[in-house]
Each structure stands twice: as C-alpha cells, then as structure tokens.
C-alpha cells in the first residue's frame, strides 16, 4: 500500500525503515507526550523483534510517512478490533517535520484509507493525553471528537473517536 497526497506519502513499513523508526522512537521530544521523555532507547535488534511481531499479526498495521522529497518524517499505526468494528490510531512525527501540515494530511489520508479499505471498521479512535495540546488540535482538525470511552477499553485517559458516518459527512 502506498498513498500519495500533496505534501506526504504513506507507505507500509519495511525492514529498510527500522533505522528511521529507531531514531523517531529514541527521540525524547517525540516520545515525551506518551510518557517517555528520554525516548524509548530501543536497540536495532529490539526494533527488528518488534517489526517481526507486527508482520506476524493481522490485527496491527504500521506505516511510515515521507515528505514530498521522500525524507522520513514519522509513523502511522493502527490496531484493528474487529469484534467492535474499531481501529486504534497512532501518529508520531520527528520535530523537524512538525507544524508543516504533514500530520494532518497524513492522518486524513490514513483515515480515508482505513474506512475505504479495511474490513468493517466503523470507528477510528485514539487517546491523546490532556497535556498534549498539539495532538488534540490535530485530531480535532481531522474530525475526531472527545467522547465517552467504551466500557471494553481500559485505562482512564481521554478517548477521541471518529465514525465512518461522520467522516463521510465531513468529506462530501
């Protein structure tokens, strides 16, 4: 899968992307909003093990974001919950790729892809931390809204979602 927009290209992650992902995950500025202010400190061997686990499941998918010059900018991820017809979303960008409209375009393309091409996904959702104002602005910009968390989803953090119906209404 590859999706191209005006500013970004999204492609499925492959082994050649692991060094860039390692750089992203080990960046404390990127990871502080998810509780790791010093980054994840992942070794390349740990990255390879993680990627193997992603490749072995049909419930999770991982993609990278490139800019129009094909420079690595960040990642997109979703985990399917087919029982509840939902997909959990995640996006992270390198600091130098932020505040350029890349994340919004990438997320819009990604959500559209999920709703058009993934089996029975009716809702996409995420859990932006209250202090992560940039993430909240991004999710709001593409149509996600804070809602009551479904009982089957664990931790007590804010829950934001966008339904297929609301997405279609926004894009008609």
C-alpha atoms as a PDB file:
ATOM      1  CA  UNK A   1       0.000   0.000   0.000  1.00  0.00           C
ATOM      2  CA  UNK A   2       1.167   3.481  -0.855  1.00  0.00           C
ATOM      3  CA  UNK A   3      -0.881   6.672  -0.643  1.00  0.00           C
ATOM      4  CA  UNK A   4       0.345   9.968  -2.021  1.00  0.00           C
ATOM      5  CA  UNK A   5      -1.006  13.367  -1.073  1.00  0.00           C
ATOM      6  CA  UNK A   6       0.179  16.895  -1.866  1.00  0.00           C
ATOM      7  CA  UNK A   7       2.700  17.011   0.988  1.00  0.00           C
ATOM      8  CA  UNK A   8       3.167  13.405   2.125  1.00  0.00           C
ATOM      9  CA  UNK A   9       3.484   9.837   1.020  1.00  0.00           C
ATOM     10  CA  UNK A  10       2.405   6.960   3.246  1.00  0.00           C
ATOM     11  CA  UNK A  11       3.838   3.515   2.674  1.00  0.00           C
ATOM     12  CA  UNK A  12       3.863   0.231   4.522  1.00  0.00           C
ATOM     13  CA  UNK A  13       6.848  -0.111   6.795  1.00  0.00           C
ATOM     14  CA  UNK A  14       9.596  -2.474   5.711  1.00  0.00           C
ATOM     15  CA  UNK A  15      12.945  -3.534   7.158  1.00  0.00           C
ATOM     16  CA  UNK A  16      14.683  -0.595   5.453  1.00  0.00           C
ATOM     17  CA  UNK A  17      12.651   1.815   7.606  1.00  0.00           C
ATOM     18  CA  UNK A  18      13.693   0.454  11.003  1.00  0.00           C
ATOM     19  CA  UNK A  19      16.699   2.785  11.479  1.00  0.00           C
ATOM     20  CA  UNK A  20      14.462   5.809  10.869  1.00  0.00           C
ATOM     21  CA  UNK A  21      11.832   4.444  13.256  1.00  0.00           C
ATOM     22  CA  UNK A  22      14.515   3.787  15.845  1.00  0.00           C
ATOM     23  CA  UNK A  23      15.576   7.445  15.552  1.00  0.00           C
ATOM     24  CA  UNK A  24      11.930   8.527  15.988  1.00  0.00           C
ATOM     25  CA  UNK A  25      11.266   6.284  18.993  1.00  0.00           C
ATOM     26  CA  UNK A  26      14.508   7.216  20.718  1.00  0.00           C
ATOM     27  CA  UNK A  27      13.771  10.939  20.412  1.00  0.00           C
ATOM     28  CA  UNK A  28      12.668  12.225  23.831  1.00  0.00           C
ATOM     29  CA  UNK A  29      10.962  15.272  22.332  1.00  0.00           C
ATOM     30  CA  UNK A  30       8.723  12.986  20.258  1.00  0.00           C
ATOM     31  CA  UNK A  31       8.095  10.409  22.955  1.00  0.00           C
ATOM     32  CA  UNK A  32       7.559  12.677  25.978  1.00  0.00           C
ATOM     33  CA  UNK A  33       3.848  13.017  25.166  1.00  0.00           C
ATOM     34  CA  UNK A  34       3.450   9.241  25.538  1.00  0.00           C
ATOM     35  CA  UNK A  35       5.359   9.074  28.816  1.00  0.00           C
ATOM     36  CA  UNK A  36       8.975   8.614  27.652  1.00  0.00           C
ATOM     37  CA  UNK A  37      10.776  11.975  27.949  1.00  0.00           C
ATOM     38  CA  UNK A  38      14.118  10.261  27.302  1.00  0.00           C
ATOM     39  CA  UNK A  39      12.812   8.282  24.326  1.00  0.00           C
ATOM     40  CA  UNK A  40      12.426   4.509  24.276  1.00  0.00           C
ATOM     41  CA  UNK A  41      16.160   3.762  23.920  1.00  0.00           C
ATOM     42  CA  UNK A  42      15.442   0.885  21.530  1.00  0.00           C
ATOM     43  CA  UNK A  43      18.329  -1.043  20.019  1.00  0.00           C
ATOM     44  CA  UNK A  44      18.186  -2.080  16.388  1.00  0.00           C
ATOM     45  CA  UNK A  45      17.785  -5.707  17.497  1.00  0.00           C
ATOM     46  CA  UNK A  46      14.737  -4.694  19.571  1.00  0.00           C
ATOM     47  CA  UNK A  47      13.324  -2.823  16.579  1.00  0.00           C
ATOM     48  CA  UNK A  48      13.692  -5.931  14.430  1.00  0.00           C
ATOM     49  CA  UNK A  49      11.885  -8.068  17.033  1.00  0.00           C
ATOM     50  CA  UNK A  50       9.078  -5.537  17.276  1.00  0.00           C
ATOM     51  CA  UNK A  51       8.711  -5.394  13.488  1.00  0.00           C
ATOM     52  CA  UNK A  52       8.624  -9.168  13.229  1.00  0.00           C
ATOM     53  CA  UNK A  53       5.724  -9.198  15.720  1.00  0.00           C
ATOM     54  CA  UNK A  54       3.855  -6.623  13.591  1.00  0.00           C
ATOM     55  CA  UNK A  55       4.381  -8.712  10.477  1.00  0.00           C
ATOM     56  CA  UNK A  56       3.065 -11.833  12.208  1.00  0.00           C
ATOM     57  CA  UNK A  57      -0.292 -10.371  13.209  1.00  0.00           C
ATOM     58  CA  UNK A  58      -3.263  -9.436  11.110  1.00  0.00           C
ATOM     59  CA  UNK A  59      -4.559  -7.048  13.781  1.00  0.00           C
ATOM     60  CA  UNK A  60      -1.907  -4.320  13.544  1.00  0.00           C
ATOM     61  CA  UNK A  61      -0.504  -2.365  10.637  1.00  0.00           C
ATOM     62  CA  UNK A  62       2.414   0.046  10.580  1.00  0.00           C
ATOM     63  CA  UNK A  63       3.285   2.700   8.007  1.00  0.00           C
ATOM     64  CA  UNK A  64       5.851   5.418   7.554  1.00  0.00           C
ATOM     65  CA  UNK A  65       5.299   8.994   6.485  1.00  0.00           C
ATOM     66  CA  UNK A  66       7.601  10.574   3.907  1.00  0.00           C
ATOM     67  CA  UNK A  67       7.585  14.171   2.725  1.00  0.00           C
ATOM     68  CA  UNK A  68       7.430  15.137  -0.959  1.00  0.00           C
ATOM     69  CA  UNK A  69      11.243  14.765  -1.138  1.00  0.00           C
ATOM     70  CA  UNK A  70      10.924  11.181   0.209  1.00  0.00           C
ATOM     71  CA  UNK A  71      12.532  12.120   3.541  1.00  0.00           C
ATOM     72  CA  UNK A  72      11.356  10.134   6.565  1.00  0.00           C
ATOM     73  CA  UNK A  73       9.005  12.235   8.714  1.00  0.00           C
ATOM     74  CA  UNK A  74       7.221   9.834  11.039  1.00  0.00           C
ATOM     75  CA  UNK A  75       4.925   6.877  11.549  1.00  0.00           C
ATOM     76  CA  UNK A  76       1.288   5.851  11.444  1.00  0.00           C
ATOM     77  CA  UNK A  77      -0.116   2.791  13.146  1.00  0.00           C
ATOM     78  CA  UNK A  78      -3.473   1.192  13.652  1.00  0.00           C
ATOM     79  CA  UNK A  79      -4.677  -1.830  15.582  1.00  0.00           C
ATOM     80  CA  UNK A  80      -7.927  -3.433  14.486  1.00  0.00           C
ATOM     81  CA  UNK A  81     -10.624  -4.611  16.877  1.00  0.00           C
ATOM     82  CA  UNK A  82     -12.984  -6.396  14.506  1.00  0.00           C
ATOM     83  CA  UNK A  83     -15.319  -7.512  17.270  1.00  0.00           C
ATOM     84  CA  UNK A  84     -16.183  -3.861  17.962  1.00  0.00           C
ATOM     85  CA  UNK A  85     -15.508  -2.636  14.394  1.00  0.00           C
ATOM     86  CA  UNK A  86     -12.872  -0.160  15.627  1.00  0.00           C
ATOM     87  CA  UNK A  87      -9.283   0.741  14.867  1.00  0.00           C
ATOM     88  CA  UNK A  88      -6.967   2.454  17.355  1.00  0.00           C
ATOM     89  CA  UNK A  89      -4.779   5.105  15.695  1.00  0.00           C
ATOM     90  CA  UNK A  90      -1.335   6.463  16.454  1.00  0.00           C
ATOM     91  CA  UNK A  91       0.807   9.049  14.682  1.00  0.00           C
ATOM     92  CA  UNK A  92       4.227  10.471  15.524  1.00  0.00           C
ATOM     93  CA  UNK A  93       6.404  12.906  13.592  1.00  0.00           C
ATOM     94  CA  UNK A  94      10.001  13.982  14.003  1.00  0.00           C
ATOM     95  CA  UNK A  95      10.291  17.506  15.462  1.00  0.00           C
ATOM     96  CA  UNK A  96      11.635  18.908  12.184  1.00  0.00           C
ATOM     97  CA  UNK A  97       8.537  17.601  10.347  1.00  0.00           C
ATOM     98  CA  UNK A  98       6.024  19.114  12.768  1.00  0.00           C
ATOM     99  CA  UNK A  99       3.966  22.289  12.226  1.00  0.00           C
ATOM    100  CA  UNK A 100       4.028  21.977   8.427  1.00  0.00           C
ATOM    101  CA  UNK A 101       0.612  20.410   7.851  1.00  0.00           C
ATOM    102  CA  UNK A 102       2.170  16.993   7.215  1.00  0.00           C
ATOM    103  CA  UNK A 103       0.492  15.256  10.163  1.00  0.00           C
ATOM    104  CA  UNK A 104      -3.000  16.497   9.251  1.00  0.00           C
ATOM    105  CA  UNK A 105      -2.669  15.441   5.630  1.00  0.00           C
ATOM    106  CA  UNK A 106      -1.172  12.069   6.589  1.00  0.00           C
ATOM    107  CA  UNK A 107      -3.895  11.390   9.148  1.00  0.00           C
ATOM    108  CA  UNK A 108      -6.681  12.390   6.751  1.00  0.00           C
ATOM    109  CA  UNK A 109      -5.287  10.112   4.030  1.00  0.00           C
ATOM    110  CA  UNK A 110      -4.833   7.306   6.557  1.00  0.00           C
ATOM    111  CA  UNK A 111      -8.360   7.564   7.980  1.00  0.00           C
ATOM    112  CA  UNK A 112      -9.800   7.624   4.474  1.00  0.00           C
ATOM    113  CA  UNK A 113      -7.762   4.521   3.603  1.00  0.00           C
ATOM    114  CA  UNK A 114      -8.971   2.667   6.704  1.00  0.00           C
ATOM    115  CA  UNK A 115     -12.630   3.486   6.099  1.00  0.00           C
ATOM    116  CA  UNK A 116     -12.481   2.645   2.402  1.00  0.00           C
ATOM    117  CA  UNK A 117     -10.297  -0.450   2.507  1.00  0.00           C
ATOM    118  CA  UNK A 118     -10.447  -2.184   5.857  1.00  0.00           C
ATOM    119  CA  UNK A 119     -12.990  -4.799   6.729  1.00  0.00           C
ATOM    120  CA  UNK A 120     -15.920  -3.472   8.712  1.00  0.00           C
ATOM    121  CA  UNK A 121     -14.070  -0.705  10.565  1.00  0.00           C
ATOM    122  CA  UNK A 122     -16.783   1.748  11.596  1.00  0.00           C
ATOM    123  CA  UNK A 123     -14.829   3.857  14.099  1.00  0.00           C
ATOM    124  CA  UNK A 124     -11.253   5.075  14.463  1.00  0.00           C
ATOM    125  CA  UNK A 125     -10.109   6.250  17.874  1.00  0.00           C
ATOM    126  CA  UNK A 126      -7.145   7.466  19.889  1.00  0.00           C
ATOM    127  CA  UNK A 127      -6.264   8.586  23.412  1.00  0.00           C
ATOM    128  CA  UNK A 128      -4.417  11.918  23.392  1.00  0.00           C
ATOM    129  CA  UNK A 129      -3.106  12.962  26.790  1.00  0.00           C
ATOM    130  CA  UNK A 130      -4.782  16.067  28.180  1.00  0.00           C
ATOM    131  CA  UNK A 131      -1.465  17.926  28.249  1.00  0.00           C
ATOM    132  CA  UNK A 132      -0.738  17.076  24.597  1.00  0.00           C
ATOM    133  CA  UNK A 133      -2.456  20.128  23.124  1.00  0.00           C
ATOM    134  CA  UNK A 134      -0.835  19.708  19.693  1.00  0.00           C
ATOM    135  CA  UNK A 135      -2.237  16.175  19.332  1.00  0.00           C
ATOM    136  CA  UNK A 136      -5.673  17.333  20.414  1.00  0.00           C
ATOM    137  CA  UNK A 137      -5.626  20.153  17.836  1.00  0.00           C
ATOM    138  CA  UNK A 138      -4.548  17.667  15.157  1.00  0.00           C
ATOM    139  CA  UNK A 139      -7.233  15.113  15.990  1.00  0.00           C
ATOM    140  CA  UNK A 140      -9.896  17.813  16.175  1.00  0.00           C
ATOM    141  CA  UNK A 141      -8.754  19.230  12.832  1.00  0.00           C
ATOM    142  CA  UNK A 142      -9.324  15.894  11.079  1.00  0.00           C
ATOM    143  CA  UNK A 143     -12.697  15.298  12.739  1.00  0.00           C
ATOM    144  CA  UNK A 144     -12.104  13.234  15.875  1.00  0.00           C
ATOM    145  CA  UNK A 145     -14.026  14.307  18.963  1.00  0.00           C
ATOM    146  CA  UNK A 146     -13.721  13.522  22.634  1.00  0.00           C
ATOM    147  CA  UNK A 147     -16.407  11.037  23.637  1.00  0.00           C
ATOM    148  CA  UNK A 148     -17.291   8.716  26.473  1.00  0.00           C
ATOM    149  CA  UNK A 149     -14.908   5.791  26.419  1.00  0.00           C
ATOM    150  CA  UNK A 150     -16.483   2.413  25.643  1.00  0.00           C
ATOM    151  CA  UNK A 151     -16.509   0.117  28.676  1.00  0.00           C
ATOM    152  CA  UNK A 152     -14.309  -2.504  26.993  1.00  0.00           C
ATOM    153  CA  UNK A 153     -11.371  -0.086  26.560  1.00  0.00           C
ATOM    154  CA  UNK A 154      -9.122   0.000  29.610  1.00  0.00           C
ATOM    155  CA  UNK A 155      -7.150   2.917  31.038  1.00  0.00           C
ATOM    156  CA  UNK A 156      -8.705   6.134  32.245  1.00  0.00           C
ATOM    157  CA  UNK A 157      -7.392   8.533  29.630  1.00  0.00           C
ATOM    158  CA  UNK A 158      -9.310  10.775  27.240  1.00  0.00           C
ATOM    159  CA  UNK A 159     -10.941   8.901  24.352  1.00  0.00           C
ATOM    160  CA  UNK A 160     -11.394  10.533  20.949  1.00  0.00           C
ATOM    161  CA  UNK A 161     -13.210   8.942  18.040  1.00  0.00           C
ATOM    162  CA  UNK A 162     -14.464   9.445  14.512  1.00  0.00           C
ATOM    163  CA  UNK A 163     -17.113   7.255  12.942  1.00  0.00           C
ATOM    164  CA  UNK A 164     -17.292   6.279   9.292  1.00  0.00           C
ATOM    165  CA  UNK A 165     -20.619   8.152   9.033  1.00  0.00           C
ATOM    166  CA  UNK A 166     -19.143  11.358  10.477  1.00  0.00           C
ATOM    167  CA  UNK A 167     -16.071  11.017   8.204  1.00  0.00           C
ATOM    168  CA  UNK A 168     -18.295  10.665   5.143  1.00  0.00           C
ATOM    169  CA  UNK A 169     -20.327  13.716   6.203  1.00  0.00           C
ATOM    170  CA  UNK A 170     -17.125  15.767   6.582  1.00  0.00           C
ATOM    171  CA  UNK A 171     -15.897  14.724   3.146  1.00  0.00           C
ATOM    172  CA  UNK A 172     -18.974  15.189   0.964  1.00  0.00           C
END
